[in-house]
N, C-alpha and C. Protein backbone atom coordinates (compact mmCIF):
# COMPACT_ATOMS: atom_id res chain seq x y z
N MET A 1 20.31 -17.78 45.69
CA MET A 1 21.44 -18.22 46.46
C MET A 1 21.03 -19.53 47.15
N ASN A 2 21.87 -20.49 47.11
CA ASN A 2 21.56 -21.76 47.77
C ASN A 2 22.03 -21.72 49.23
N THR A 3 21.93 -22.84 49.94
CA THR A 3 22.27 -22.89 51.37
C THR A 3 23.76 -22.73 51.65
N HIS A 4 24.60 -22.90 50.65
CA HIS A 4 26.05 -22.78 50.84
C HIS A 4 26.56 -21.37 50.54
N GLY A 5 25.66 -20.46 50.19
CA GLY A 5 26.09 -19.09 49.91
C GLY A 5 26.63 -18.90 48.51
N VAL A 6 26.41 -19.87 47.63
CA VAL A 6 26.90 -19.77 46.25
C VAL A 6 25.77 -19.27 45.37
N VAL A 7 26.06 -18.27 44.58
CA VAL A 7 25.07 -17.73 43.65
C VAL A 7 25.24 -18.43 42.32
N HIS A 8 24.19 -19.01 41.82
CA HIS A 8 24.24 -19.70 40.53
C HIS A 8 24.06 -18.70 39.39
N ILE A 9 24.61 -19.01 38.25
CA ILE A 9 24.48 -18.16 37.07
C ILE A 9 23.01 -18.07 36.70
N GLY A 10 22.56 -16.87 36.41
CA GLY A 10 21.18 -16.67 36.02
C GLY A 10 20.28 -16.35 37.21
N GLU A 11 20.77 -16.48 38.41
CA GLU A 11 19.97 -16.18 39.60
C GLU A 11 20.00 -14.68 39.83
N LYS A 12 18.84 -14.07 39.96
CA LYS A 12 18.77 -12.63 40.16
C LYS A 12 18.86 -12.34 41.65
N ARG A 13 19.63 -11.30 41.98
CA ARG A 13 19.83 -11.02 43.39
C ARG A 13 20.04 -9.53 43.59
N GLY A 14 19.37 -8.96 44.55
CA GLY A 14 19.59 -7.59 44.95
C GLY A 14 19.14 -6.58 43.90
N ILE A 15 19.79 -5.42 43.94
CA ILE A 15 19.43 -4.30 43.07
C ILE A 15 19.66 -4.65 41.61
N ILE A 16 20.72 -5.38 41.31
CA ILE A 16 21.01 -5.75 39.92
C ILE A 16 19.88 -6.60 39.36
N GLY A 17 19.39 -7.55 40.14
CA GLY A 17 18.30 -8.39 39.69
C GLY A 17 17.03 -7.60 39.46
N ILE A 18 16.73 -6.67 40.38
CA ILE A 18 15.55 -5.82 40.21
C ILE A 18 15.70 -4.94 38.98
N TYR A 19 16.88 -4.37 38.80
CA TYR A 19 17.16 -3.51 37.65
C TYR A 19 16.96 -4.28 36.35
N LYS A 20 17.49 -5.51 36.30
CA LYS A 20 17.34 -6.33 35.10
C LYS A 20 15.87 -6.65 34.86
N SER A 21 15.13 -6.91 35.92
CA SER A 21 13.71 -7.23 35.79
C SER A 21 12.94 -6.03 35.24
N VAL A 22 13.25 -4.84 35.76
CA VAL A 22 12.59 -3.62 35.28
C VAL A 22 12.96 -3.39 33.82
N MET A 23 14.21 -3.57 33.48
CA MET A 23 14.66 -3.38 32.10
C MET A 23 13.98 -4.39 31.17
N ASP A 24 13.86 -5.63 31.63
CA ASP A 24 13.18 -6.64 30.81
C ASP A 24 11.74 -6.24 30.54
N GLU A 25 11.06 -5.74 31.58
CA GLU A 25 9.68 -5.31 31.42
C GLU A 25 9.58 -4.14 30.43
N GLU A 26 10.49 -3.18 30.54
CA GLU A 26 10.49 -2.04 29.64
C GLU A 26 10.75 -2.48 28.21
N ILE A 27 11.68 -3.39 28.04
CA ILE A 27 11.99 -3.89 26.70
C ILE A 27 10.77 -4.61 26.12
N LEU A 28 10.11 -5.41 26.93
CA LEU A 28 8.91 -6.12 26.46
C LEU A 28 7.80 -5.14 26.08
N LYS A 29 7.63 -4.08 26.87
CA LYS A 29 6.62 -3.06 26.56
C LYS A 29 6.95 -2.38 25.24
N LYS A 30 8.21 -2.02 25.06
CA LYS A 30 8.62 -1.36 23.81
C LYS A 30 8.45 -2.29 22.62
N LEU A 31 8.77 -3.55 22.79
CA LEU A 31 8.58 -4.51 21.70
C LEU A 31 7.11 -4.64 21.34
N GLU A 32 6.24 -4.66 22.34
CA GLU A 32 4.80 -4.75 22.09
C GLU A 32 4.31 -3.49 21.36
N GLU A 33 4.79 -2.31 21.78
CA GLU A 33 4.42 -1.07 21.10
C GLU A 33 4.88 -1.10 19.64
N GLN A 34 6.09 -1.57 19.41
CA GLN A 34 6.60 -1.64 18.04
C GLN A 34 5.81 -2.63 17.21
N ARG A 35 5.39 -3.74 17.81
CA ARG A 35 4.57 -4.72 17.10
C ARG A 35 3.26 -4.09 16.66
N LYS A 36 2.65 -3.31 17.55
CA LYS A 36 1.38 -2.64 17.21
C LYS A 36 1.59 -1.64 16.08
N ILE A 37 2.66 -0.88 16.16
CA ILE A 37 2.95 0.11 15.12
C ILE A 37 3.20 -0.57 13.78
N ILE A 38 3.91 -1.68 13.79
CA ILE A 38 4.19 -2.42 12.55
C ILE A 38 2.89 -2.95 11.95
N GLU A 39 1.99 -3.46 12.79
CA GLU A 39 0.71 -3.96 12.29
C GLU A 39 -0.12 -2.84 11.68
N GLU A 40 -0.15 -1.67 12.33
CA GLU A 40 -0.87 -0.52 11.79
C GLU A 40 -0.27 -0.08 10.46
N THR A 41 1.05 -0.06 10.40
CA THR A 41 1.72 0.32 9.17
C THR A 41 1.40 -0.67 8.05
N TYR A 42 1.39 -1.96 8.36
CA TYR A 42 1.07 -2.98 7.36
C TYR A 42 -0.35 -2.78 6.83
N ARG A 43 -1.31 -2.53 7.73
CA ARG A 43 -2.69 -2.31 7.28
C ARG A 43 -2.77 -1.07 6.39
N SER A 44 -2.07 -0.03 6.76
CA SER A 44 -2.08 1.21 5.98
C SER A 44 -1.47 0.98 4.59
N VAL A 45 -0.37 0.25 4.54
CA VAL A 45 0.30 -0.03 3.26
C VAL A 45 -0.59 -0.89 2.37
N GLU A 46 -1.30 -1.85 2.97
CA GLU A 46 -2.21 -2.68 2.18
C GLU A 46 -3.35 -1.86 1.60
N LYS A 47 -3.88 -0.91 2.36
CA LYS A 47 -4.93 -0.03 1.85
C LYS A 47 -4.40 0.80 0.68
N MET A 48 -3.18 1.32 0.84
CA MET A 48 -2.59 2.12 -0.24
C MET A 48 -2.34 1.27 -1.48
N ARG A 49 -1.89 0.03 -1.27
CA ARG A 49 -1.64 -0.86 -2.40
C ARG A 49 -2.92 -1.11 -3.18
N LYS A 50 -4.01 -1.36 -2.47
CA LYS A 50 -5.29 -1.58 -3.13
C LYS A 50 -5.76 -0.32 -3.84
N PHE A 51 -5.56 0.84 -3.20
CA PHE A 51 -5.93 2.10 -3.83
C PHE A 51 -5.16 2.31 -5.13
N PHE A 52 -3.85 2.09 -5.11
CA PHE A 52 -3.04 2.25 -6.31
C PHE A 52 -3.42 1.24 -7.39
N LEU A 53 -3.76 0.03 -6.99
CA LEU A 53 -4.19 -0.98 -7.96
C LEU A 53 -5.45 -0.52 -8.68
N TRP A 54 -6.45 -0.05 -7.92
CA TRP A 54 -7.69 0.40 -8.54
C TRP A 54 -7.47 1.68 -9.35
N THR A 55 -6.57 2.53 -8.91
CA THR A 55 -6.23 3.72 -9.70
C THR A 55 -5.64 3.31 -11.04
N LEU A 56 -4.76 2.32 -11.03
CA LEU A 56 -4.17 1.82 -12.26
C LEU A 56 -5.23 1.22 -13.17
N ILE A 57 -6.14 0.45 -12.61
CA ILE A 57 -7.19 -0.18 -13.42
C ILE A 57 -8.08 0.88 -14.05
N VAL A 58 -8.50 1.87 -13.27
CA VAL A 58 -9.37 2.93 -13.81
C VAL A 58 -8.63 3.75 -14.85
N THR A 59 -7.37 4.06 -14.59
CA THR A 59 -6.58 4.83 -15.57
C THR A 59 -6.43 4.04 -16.86
N ALA A 60 -6.15 2.77 -16.76
CA ALA A 60 -6.02 1.94 -17.96
C ALA A 60 -7.34 1.91 -18.72
N ALA A 61 -8.45 1.80 -18.01
CA ALA A 61 -9.75 1.76 -18.68
C ALA A 61 -10.04 3.08 -19.37
N VAL A 62 -9.69 4.18 -18.72
CA VAL A 62 -9.98 5.50 -19.30
C VAL A 62 -9.08 5.79 -20.49
N VAL A 63 -7.87 5.29 -20.51
CA VAL A 63 -6.93 5.58 -21.60
C VAL A 63 -6.97 4.50 -22.69
N VAL A 64 -6.94 3.26 -22.31
CA VAL A 64 -6.80 2.17 -23.27
C VAL A 64 -8.10 1.90 -24.03
N LEU A 65 -9.22 1.89 -23.34
CA LEU A 65 -10.48 1.61 -24.03
C LEU A 65 -10.80 2.63 -25.12
N PRO A 66 -10.64 3.94 -24.89
CA PRO A 66 -10.85 4.88 -26.00
C PRO A 66 -9.86 4.66 -27.16
N LEU A 67 -8.62 4.29 -26.87
CA LEU A 67 -7.66 4.02 -27.95
C LEU A 67 -8.11 2.83 -28.78
N ILE A 68 -8.61 1.80 -28.13
CA ILE A 68 -9.11 0.64 -28.87
C ILE A 68 -10.32 1.05 -29.71
N GLY A 69 -11.17 1.88 -29.13
CA GLY A 69 -12.33 2.38 -29.89
C GLY A 69 -11.90 3.19 -31.10
N LEU A 70 -10.85 3.98 -30.96
CA LEU A 70 -10.36 4.78 -32.08
C LEU A 70 -9.84 3.89 -33.21
N LEU A 71 -9.30 2.74 -32.89
CA LEU A 71 -8.81 1.83 -33.92
C LEU A 71 -9.95 1.40 -34.86
N PHE A 72 -11.16 1.34 -34.36
CA PHE A 72 -12.30 0.97 -35.19
C PHE A 72 -12.97 2.19 -35.83
N VAL A 73 -12.96 3.32 -35.16
CA VAL A 73 -13.66 4.51 -35.65
C VAL A 73 -12.86 5.22 -36.75
N ILE A 74 -11.55 5.31 -36.60
CA ILE A 74 -10.73 6.06 -37.58
C ILE A 74 -10.84 5.46 -38.98
N PRO A 75 -10.74 4.15 -39.18
CA PRO A 75 -10.89 3.62 -40.55
C PRO A 75 -12.27 3.92 -41.15
N GLN A 76 -13.30 3.82 -40.34
CA GLN A 76 -14.64 4.14 -40.85
C GLN A 76 -14.73 5.61 -41.23
N PHE A 77 -14.16 6.47 -40.41
CA PHE A 77 -14.17 7.89 -40.70
C PHE A 77 -13.40 8.19 -41.99
N LEU A 78 -12.25 7.54 -42.16
CA LEU A 78 -11.46 7.77 -43.38
C LEU A 78 -12.21 7.28 -44.62
N ASP A 79 -12.90 6.14 -44.52
CA ASP A 79 -13.70 5.66 -45.65
C ASP A 79 -14.82 6.65 -45.97
N LEU A 80 -15.48 7.14 -44.94
CA LEU A 80 -16.55 8.11 -45.13
C LEU A 80 -16.01 9.40 -45.71
N TYR A 81 -14.88 9.87 -45.22
CA TYR A 81 -14.29 11.12 -45.68
C TYR A 81 -13.80 11.00 -47.12
N SER A 82 -13.17 9.89 -47.45
CA SER A 82 -12.67 9.73 -48.82
C SER A 82 -13.85 9.48 -49.79
N GLY A 83 -14.96 8.94 -49.32
CA GLY A 83 -16.12 8.72 -50.18
C GLY A 83 -16.81 10.03 -50.52
N VAL A 84 -16.73 11.00 -49.65
CA VAL A 84 -17.35 12.29 -49.89
C VAL A 84 -16.56 13.06 -50.93
N MET A 85 -15.28 12.92 -50.98
CA MET A 85 -14.44 13.67 -51.92
C MET A 85 -14.52 13.00 -53.23
């Protein structure tokens, strides 16, 4: 409030001003808590992404490499088998 008794817009006064200040502090606290939770969630998701990536790589190695090996072994086996007969 200025010397003429006029309250300017945005000037906090009385219980309403205190209430707004308390609410602002609570909102800021909640925003900070949410920021922390989001960061923890991001770290957790990144760990899971890396885990799934390595699971995919190991699965591909366990399945694909033997199939490639079979491509070379089966013709040799068939030649050996047909040579015996």
